[in-house]
Amino acid sequence: MKRLGILVGAWAVVALLAGSVAALDIDVAPKTLALRSNGGQFTVHTDVPFGEAETVSLKVNGIPIEVRTFADDQGYLVAQCSKDDVKEVLDEPDEPVTTAEATLTVNGVSATEPFVVRK
C-alpha cells in the first residue's frame, strides 16, 4: 500500500511539473456570429490557468486562425481573434442559419464547441 501511495504521489508531481492540461472546457463568444456584422472579437474562454498554457491554437471548421492570449480576471486563459478573421474562413452558408465549430487546443489537449452562423 505504501508503494502505491509513493507511486501515485510521484506521478502527480510529474504531471504538475509538466504543466499539462488533463481536460479542457471551452466557451465561445459570441454564441451567434452574424456574417453581416462589423468589427468585434471572437473569444474562447477556458478553465486552464493562464500560466499553464504553453501552446495554444484555434481552428474554425478545421482552419487555423491566429489568436492572441491573455488571462481573464480569474487568471484563466482566454484566446481571442477578430470576428472578421473567423468570417474569412467560413463558407457563405446556403441557409440563413447554420453552425460552425471552434476547436481550441492547449498543450496538446483539444475541445470543440459549436456556434451559430447567421447570414
N, C-alpha and C. Protein backbone atom coordinates (compact mmCIF):
# COMPACT_ATOMS: atom_id res chain seq x y z
N MET A 1 0.83 -1.19 0.00
CA MET A 1 0.00 0.00 0.00
C MET A 1 0.87 1.25 0.00
N LYS A 2 1.98 1.19 0.77
CA LYS A 2 2.87 2.34 0.85
C LYS A 2 3.49 2.63 -0.51
N ARG A 3 3.85 1.59 -1.26
CA ARG A 3 4.43 1.77 -2.59
C ARG A 3 3.44 2.43 -3.54
N LEU A 4 2.18 2.01 -3.42
CA LEU A 4 1.15 2.61 -4.28
C LEU A 4 1.03 4.10 -4.00
N GLY A 5 1.06 4.48 -2.73
CA GLY A 5 0.98 5.89 -2.35
C GLY A 5 2.15 6.68 -2.89
N ILE A 6 3.33 6.10 -2.82
CA ILE A 6 4.53 6.77 -3.35
C ILE A 6 4.44 6.91 -4.86
N LEU A 7 3.98 5.86 -5.52
CA LEU A 7 3.84 5.89 -6.98
C LEU A 7 2.83 6.94 -7.43
N VAL A 8 1.69 6.98 -6.77
CA VAL A 8 0.67 7.98 -7.10
C VAL A 8 1.19 9.38 -6.84
N GLY A 9 1.86 9.57 -5.73
CA GLY A 9 2.42 10.89 -5.41
C GLY A 9 3.47 11.32 -6.42
N ALA A 10 4.33 10.40 -6.83
CA ALA A 10 5.35 10.72 -7.84
C ALA A 10 4.72 11.08 -9.17
N TRP A 11 3.70 10.34 -9.56
CA TRP A 11 3.01 10.63 -10.82
C TRP A 11 2.36 12.01 -10.77
N ALA A 12 1.75 12.36 -9.65
CA ALA A 12 1.11 13.67 -9.51
C ALA A 12 2.14 14.80 -9.63
N VAL A 13 3.31 14.62 -9.05
CA VAL A 13 4.36 15.63 -9.14
C VAL A 13 4.82 15.79 -10.58
N VAL A 14 5.01 14.68 -11.28
CA VAL A 14 5.43 14.74 -12.68
C VAL A 14 4.38 15.45 -13.52
N ALA A 15 3.12 15.12 -13.31
CA ALA A 15 2.05 15.77 -14.07
C ALA A 15 2.00 17.26 -13.78
N LEU A 16 2.17 17.63 -12.54
CA LEU A 16 2.16 19.04 -12.18
C LEU A 16 3.33 19.79 -12.80
N LEU A 17 4.50 19.19 -12.75
CA LEU A 17 5.68 19.84 -13.32
C LEU A 17 5.60 19.94 -14.84
N ALA A 18 4.94 19.01 -15.47
CA ALA A 18 4.81 19.04 -16.92
C ALA A 18 3.87 20.15 -17.38
N GLY A 19 3.02 20.63 -16.49
CA GLY A 19 2.11 21.71 -16.85
C GLY A 19 1.09 21.29 -17.89
N SER A 20 0.76 20.02 -17.92
CA SER A 20 -0.17 19.54 -18.92
C SER A 20 -1.60 19.82 -18.51
N VAL A 21 -2.45 19.93 -19.51
CA VAL A 21 -3.87 20.14 -19.29
C VAL A 21 -4.54 18.78 -19.41
N ALA A 22 -5.15 18.30 -18.33
CA ALA A 22 -5.78 16.97 -18.34
C ALA A 22 -7.06 16.98 -19.15
N ALA A 23 -7.87 17.99 -19.01
CA ALA A 23 -9.13 18.12 -19.74
C ALA A 23 -9.31 19.60 -20.03
N LEU A 24 -10.08 19.89 -21.03
CA LEU A 24 -10.26 21.27 -21.45
C LEU A 24 -11.74 21.56 -21.62
N ASP A 25 -12.20 22.62 -21.01
CA ASP A 25 -13.58 23.07 -21.14
C ASP A 25 -13.53 24.47 -21.76
N ILE A 26 -14.24 24.67 -22.86
CA ILE A 26 -14.22 25.98 -23.52
C ILE A 26 -15.63 26.55 -23.64
N ASP A 27 -15.67 27.86 -23.82
CA ASP A 27 -16.92 28.58 -24.02
C ASP A 27 -16.65 29.68 -25.03
N VAL A 28 -17.31 29.61 -26.19
CA VAL A 28 -17.08 30.62 -27.23
C VAL A 28 -18.07 31.76 -27.10
N ALA A 29 -17.63 32.93 -27.51
CA ALA A 29 -18.48 34.11 -27.52
C ALA A 29 -18.10 34.95 -28.74
N PRO A 30 -19.02 35.37 -29.53
CA PRO A 30 -20.46 35.23 -29.34
C PRO A 30 -20.94 33.82 -29.69
N LYS A 31 -22.08 33.47 -29.15
CA LYS A 31 -22.71 32.17 -29.46
C LYS A 31 -23.29 32.18 -30.87
N THR A 32 -23.62 33.37 -31.36
CA THR A 32 -24.13 33.54 -32.72
C THR A 32 -23.28 34.59 -33.42
N LEU A 33 -22.70 34.20 -34.56
CA LEU A 33 -21.87 35.11 -35.34
C LEU A 33 -22.66 35.54 -36.57
N ALA A 34 -22.97 36.82 -36.65
CA ALA A 34 -23.69 37.37 -37.80
C ALA A 34 -22.67 37.79 -38.86
N LEU A 35 -22.74 37.18 -40.04
CA LEU A 35 -21.77 37.47 -41.08
C LEU A 35 -21.84 38.91 -41.57
N ARG A 36 -22.96 39.54 -41.40
CA ARG A 36 -23.11 40.94 -41.85
C ARG A 36 -22.72 41.96 -40.78
N SER A 37 -22.36 41.49 -39.60
CA SER A 37 -21.96 42.43 -38.54
C SER A 37 -20.55 42.95 -38.82
N ASN A 38 -20.26 44.09 -38.24
CA ASN A 38 -18.94 44.70 -38.42
C ASN A 38 -18.17 44.68 -37.11
N GLY A 39 -16.87 44.41 -37.23
CA GLY A 39 -15.97 44.52 -36.08
C GLY A 39 -16.26 43.52 -34.98
N GLY A 40 -15.59 43.73 -33.88
CA GLY A 40 -15.78 42.90 -32.71
C GLY A 40 -14.77 41.76 -32.62
N GLN A 41 -14.86 41.03 -31.53
CA GLN A 41 -13.93 39.95 -31.25
C GLN A 41 -14.64 38.62 -31.13
N PHE A 42 -13.94 37.56 -31.48
CA PHE A 42 -14.38 36.19 -31.26
C PHE A 42 -13.50 35.67 -30.13
N THR A 43 -14.13 35.23 -29.06
CA THR A 43 -13.40 34.91 -27.84
C THR A 43 -13.68 33.49 -27.39
N VAL A 44 -12.64 32.81 -26.95
CA VAL A 44 -12.78 31.46 -26.39
C VAL A 44 -12.24 31.49 -24.97
N HIS A 45 -13.14 31.27 -24.02
CA HIS A 45 -12.77 31.23 -22.60
C HIS A 45 -12.47 29.78 -22.23
N THR A 46 -11.51 29.59 -21.31
CA THR A 46 -11.14 28.25 -20.88
C THR A 46 -11.14 28.16 -19.36
N ASP A 47 -10.93 26.92 -18.89
CA ASP A 47 -10.77 26.68 -17.46
C ASP A 47 -9.31 26.36 -17.13
N VAL A 48 -8.39 26.75 -18.02
CA VAL A 48 -6.96 26.49 -17.86
C VAL A 48 -6.28 27.71 -17.24
N PRO A 49 -5.56 27.54 -16.15
CA PRO A 49 -4.81 28.68 -15.62
C PRO A 49 -3.84 29.21 -16.68
N PHE A 50 -3.82 30.51 -16.86
CA PHE A 50 -3.03 31.14 -17.91
C PHE A 50 -1.57 30.71 -17.87
N GLY A 51 -1.01 30.61 -16.69
CA GLY A 51 0.40 30.25 -16.53
C GLY A 51 0.73 28.84 -16.98
N GLU A 52 -0.26 27.98 -17.13
CA GLU A 52 -0.03 26.60 -17.57
C GLU A 52 -0.09 26.44 -19.08
N ALA A 53 -0.54 27.46 -19.80
CA ALA A 53 -0.72 27.37 -21.25
C ALA A 53 0.61 27.64 -21.95
N GLU A 54 1.20 26.58 -22.49
CA GLU A 54 2.46 26.72 -23.23
C GLU A 54 2.21 26.87 -24.72
N THR A 55 1.30 26.07 -25.27
CA THR A 55 0.95 26.18 -26.69
C THR A 55 -0.57 26.30 -26.81
N VAL A 56 -1.00 27.23 -27.65
CA VAL A 56 -2.42 27.49 -27.84
C VAL A 56 -2.68 27.66 -29.33
N SER A 57 -3.70 26.95 -29.84
CA SER A 57 -4.08 27.15 -31.24
C SER A 57 -5.60 27.07 -31.35
N LEU A 58 -6.13 27.80 -32.33
CA LEU A 58 -7.56 27.83 -32.59
C LEU A 58 -7.81 27.45 -34.04
N LYS A 59 -8.81 26.61 -34.25
CA LYS A 59 -9.27 26.28 -35.60
C LYS A 59 -10.77 26.50 -35.64
N VAL A 60 -11.24 27.05 -36.76
CA VAL A 60 -12.66 27.17 -37.00
C VAL A 60 -12.97 26.33 -38.23
N ASN A 61 -13.84 25.35 -38.04
CA ASN A 61 -14.14 24.38 -39.10
C ASN A 61 -12.86 23.77 -39.67
N GLY A 62 -11.90 23.53 -38.80
CA GLY A 62 -10.66 22.87 -39.19
C GLY A 62 -9.59 23.78 -39.78
N ILE A 63 -9.87 25.07 -39.89
CA ILE A 63 -8.91 26.02 -40.48
C ILE A 63 -8.27 26.85 -39.36
N PRO A 64 -6.94 26.85 -39.29
CA PRO A 64 -6.25 27.60 -38.22
C PRO A 64 -6.48 29.10 -38.32
N ILE A 65 -6.63 29.71 -37.16
CA ILE A 65 -6.78 31.17 -37.05
C ILE A 65 -5.81 31.65 -35.97
N GLU A 66 -5.10 32.71 -36.26
CA GLU A 66 -4.15 33.27 -35.30
C GLU A 66 -4.92 33.96 -34.17
N VAL A 67 -4.49 33.67 -32.94
CA VAL A 67 -5.14 34.26 -31.77
C VAL A 67 -4.12 34.95 -30.88
N ARG A 68 -4.62 35.85 -30.08
CA ARG A 68 -3.81 36.42 -29.01
C ARG A 68 -4.37 35.83 -27.72
N THR A 69 -3.51 35.67 -26.74
CA THR A 69 -3.95 35.08 -25.48
C THR A 69 -3.68 36.03 -24.33
N PHE A 70 -4.51 35.91 -23.31
CA PHE A 70 -4.35 36.70 -22.10
C PHE A 70 -5.11 36.02 -20.97
N ALA A 71 -4.93 36.50 -19.77
CA ALA A 71 -5.64 35.96 -18.61
C ALA A 71 -6.88 36.79 -18.34
N ASP A 72 -7.97 36.12 -18.00
CA ASP A 72 -9.17 36.85 -17.59
C ASP A 72 -9.02 37.30 -16.14
N ASP A 73 -10.08 37.89 -15.58
CA ASP A 73 -9.98 38.43 -14.23
C ASP A 73 -9.85 37.35 -13.15
N GLN A 74 -10.03 36.07 -13.53
CA GLN A 74 -9.84 34.97 -12.57
C GLN A 74 -8.53 34.22 -12.84
N GLY A 75 -7.74 34.69 -13.81
CA GLY A 75 -6.45 34.07 -14.10
C GLY A 75 -6.50 32.93 -15.11
N TYR A 76 -7.65 32.73 -15.75
CA TYR A 76 -7.78 31.67 -16.74
C TYR A 76 -7.44 32.16 -18.15
N LEU A 77 -6.98 31.23 -18.97
CA LEU A 77 -6.60 31.52 -20.34
C LEU A 77 -7.81 31.95 -21.18
N VAL A 78 -7.62 33.00 -21.95
CA VAL A 78 -8.59 33.44 -22.94
C VAL A 78 -7.85 33.56 -24.27
N ALA A 79 -8.44 33.00 -25.33
CA ALA A 79 -7.90 33.12 -26.69
C ALA A 79 -8.87 33.99 -27.47
N GLN A 80 -8.33 34.96 -28.22
CA GLN A 80 -9.20 35.91 -28.89
C GLN A 80 -8.64 36.29 -30.26
N CYS A 81 -9.57 36.51 -31.20
CA CYS A 81 -9.21 36.99 -32.53
C CYS A 81 -10.33 37.89 -33.02
N SER A 82 -10.11 38.52 -34.13
CA SER A 82 -11.12 39.36 -34.75
C SER A 82 -12.25 38.50 -35.31
N LYS A 83 -13.49 38.97 -35.19
CA LYS A 83 -14.61 38.26 -35.82
C LYS A 83 -14.41 38.21 -37.32
N ASP A 84 -13.79 39.24 -37.88
CA ASP A 84 -13.54 39.26 -39.32
C ASP A 84 -12.62 38.11 -39.74
N ASP A 85 -11.64 37.74 -38.90
CA ASP A 85 -10.77 36.61 -39.20
C ASP A 85 -11.56 35.31 -39.25
N VAL A 86 -12.53 35.17 -38.36
CA VAL A 86 -13.38 33.98 -38.35
C VAL A 86 -14.27 33.97 -39.59
N LYS A 87 -14.84 35.11 -39.92
CA LYS A 87 -15.73 35.19 -41.09
C LYS A 87 -14.99 34.84 -42.38
N GLU A 88 -13.71 35.18 -42.46
CA GLU A 88 -12.92 34.88 -43.66
C GLU A 88 -12.80 33.39 -43.93
N VAL A 89 -12.78 32.56 -42.90
CA VAL A 89 -12.62 31.12 -43.10
C VAL A 89 -13.95 30.38 -43.25
N LEU A 90 -15.05 31.07 -43.00
CA LEU A 90 -16.36 30.43 -43.13
C LEU A 90 -16.86 30.54 -44.56
N ASP A 91 -17.41 29.45 -45.07
CA ASP A 91 -18.07 29.49 -46.37
C ASP A 91 -19.41 30.19 -46.22
N GLU A 92 -19.81 30.90 -47.26
CA GLU A 92 -21.13 31.54 -47.24
C GLU A 92 -22.18 30.44 -47.15
N PRO A 93 -22.97 30.42 -46.08
CA PRO A 93 -23.94 29.34 -45.92
C PRO A 93 -25.10 29.46 -46.91
N ASP A 94 -25.62 28.30 -47.33
CA ASP A 94 -26.80 28.28 -48.20
C ASP A 94 -28.05 28.64 -47.41
N GLU A 95 -28.06 28.26 -46.16
CA GLU A 95 -29.20 28.50 -45.28
C GLU A 95 -29.00 29.81 -44.52
N PRO A 96 -30.07 30.45 -44.08
CA PRO A 96 -29.92 31.70 -43.31
C PRO A 96 -29.24 31.47 -41.96
N VAL A 97 -29.40 30.27 -41.40
CA VAL A 97 -28.78 29.95 -40.12
C VAL A 97 -28.13 28.57 -40.24
N THR A 98 -26.88 28.47 -39.82
CA THR A 98 -26.15 27.20 -39.83
C THR A 98 -25.25 27.16 -38.60
N THR A 99 -24.43 26.15 -38.50
CA THR A 99 -23.49 26.07 -37.37
C THR A 99 -22.07 25.90 -37.89
N ALA A 100 -21.13 26.28 -37.04
CA ALA A 100 -19.70 26.09 -37.29
C ALA A 100 -19.11 25.56 -35.99
N GLU A 101 -17.84 25.14 -36.05
CA GLU A 101 -17.19 24.62 -34.86
C GLU A 101 -15.87 25.34 -34.60
N ALA A 102 -15.67 25.70 -33.34
CA ALA A 102 -14.40 26.26 -32.90
C ALA A 102 -13.69 25.19 -32.08
N THR A 103 -12.43 24.91 -32.43
CA THR A 103 -11.63 23.94 -31.70
C THR A 103 -10.41 24.64 -31.14
N LEU A 104 -10.29 24.62 -29.84
CA LEU A 104 -9.13 25.21 -29.16
C LEU A 104 -8.26 24.07 -28.65
N THR A 105 -6.96 24.18 -28.90
CA THR A 105 -6.00 23.20 -28.41
C THR A 105 -5.01 23.91 -27.50
N VAL A 106 -4.89 23.40 -26.28
CA VAL A 106 -3.96 23.96 -25.29
C VAL A 106 -3.06 22.83 -24.81
N ASN A 107 -1.76 22.98 -25.02
CA ASN A 107 -0.78 21.97 -24.61
C ASN A 107 -1.13 20.59 -25.14
N GLY A 108 -1.66 20.53 -26.36
CA GLY A 108 -1.97 19.26 -27.00
C GLY A 108 -3.34 18.68 -26.68
N VAL A 109 -4.11 19.32 -25.80
CA VAL A 109 -5.44 18.85 -25.45
C VAL A 109 -6.46 19.76 -26.13
N SER A 110 -7.43 19.16 -26.83
CA SER A 110 -8.40 19.93 -27.62
C SER A 110 -9.82 19.81 -27.08
N ALA A 111 -10.59 20.86 -27.33
CA ALA A 111 -12.02 20.87 -27.05
C ALA A 111 -12.70 21.62 -28.19
N THR A 112 -13.89 21.17 -28.54
CA THR A 112 -14.63 21.77 -29.64
C THR A 112 -16.00 22.21 -29.15
N GLU A 113 -16.42 23.38 -29.64
CA GLU A 113 -17.75 23.87 -29.30
C GLU A 113 -18.39 24.46 -30.56
N PRO A 114 -19.64 24.09 -30.82
CA PRO A 114 -20.34 24.67 -31.97
C PRO A 114 -20.82 26.09 -31.66
N PHE A 115 -21.00 26.87 -32.71
CA PHE A 115 -21.63 28.18 -32.59
C PHE A 115 -22.47 28.42 -33.83
N VAL A 116 -23.45 29.29 -33.70
CA VAL A 116 -24.40 29.57 -34.78
C VAL A 116 -23.82 30.62 -35.70
N VAL A 117 -24.06 30.44 -37.02
CA VAL A 117 -23.64 31.40 -38.03
C VAL A 117 -24.90 31.87 -38.77
N ARG A 118 -25.11 33.19 -38.79
CA ARG A 118 -26.25 33.78 -39.50
C ARG A 118 -25.75 34.57 -40.69
N LYS A 119 -26.51 34.50 -41.77
CA LYS A 119 -26.18 35.30 -42.96
C LYS A 119 -26.26 36.77 -42.65
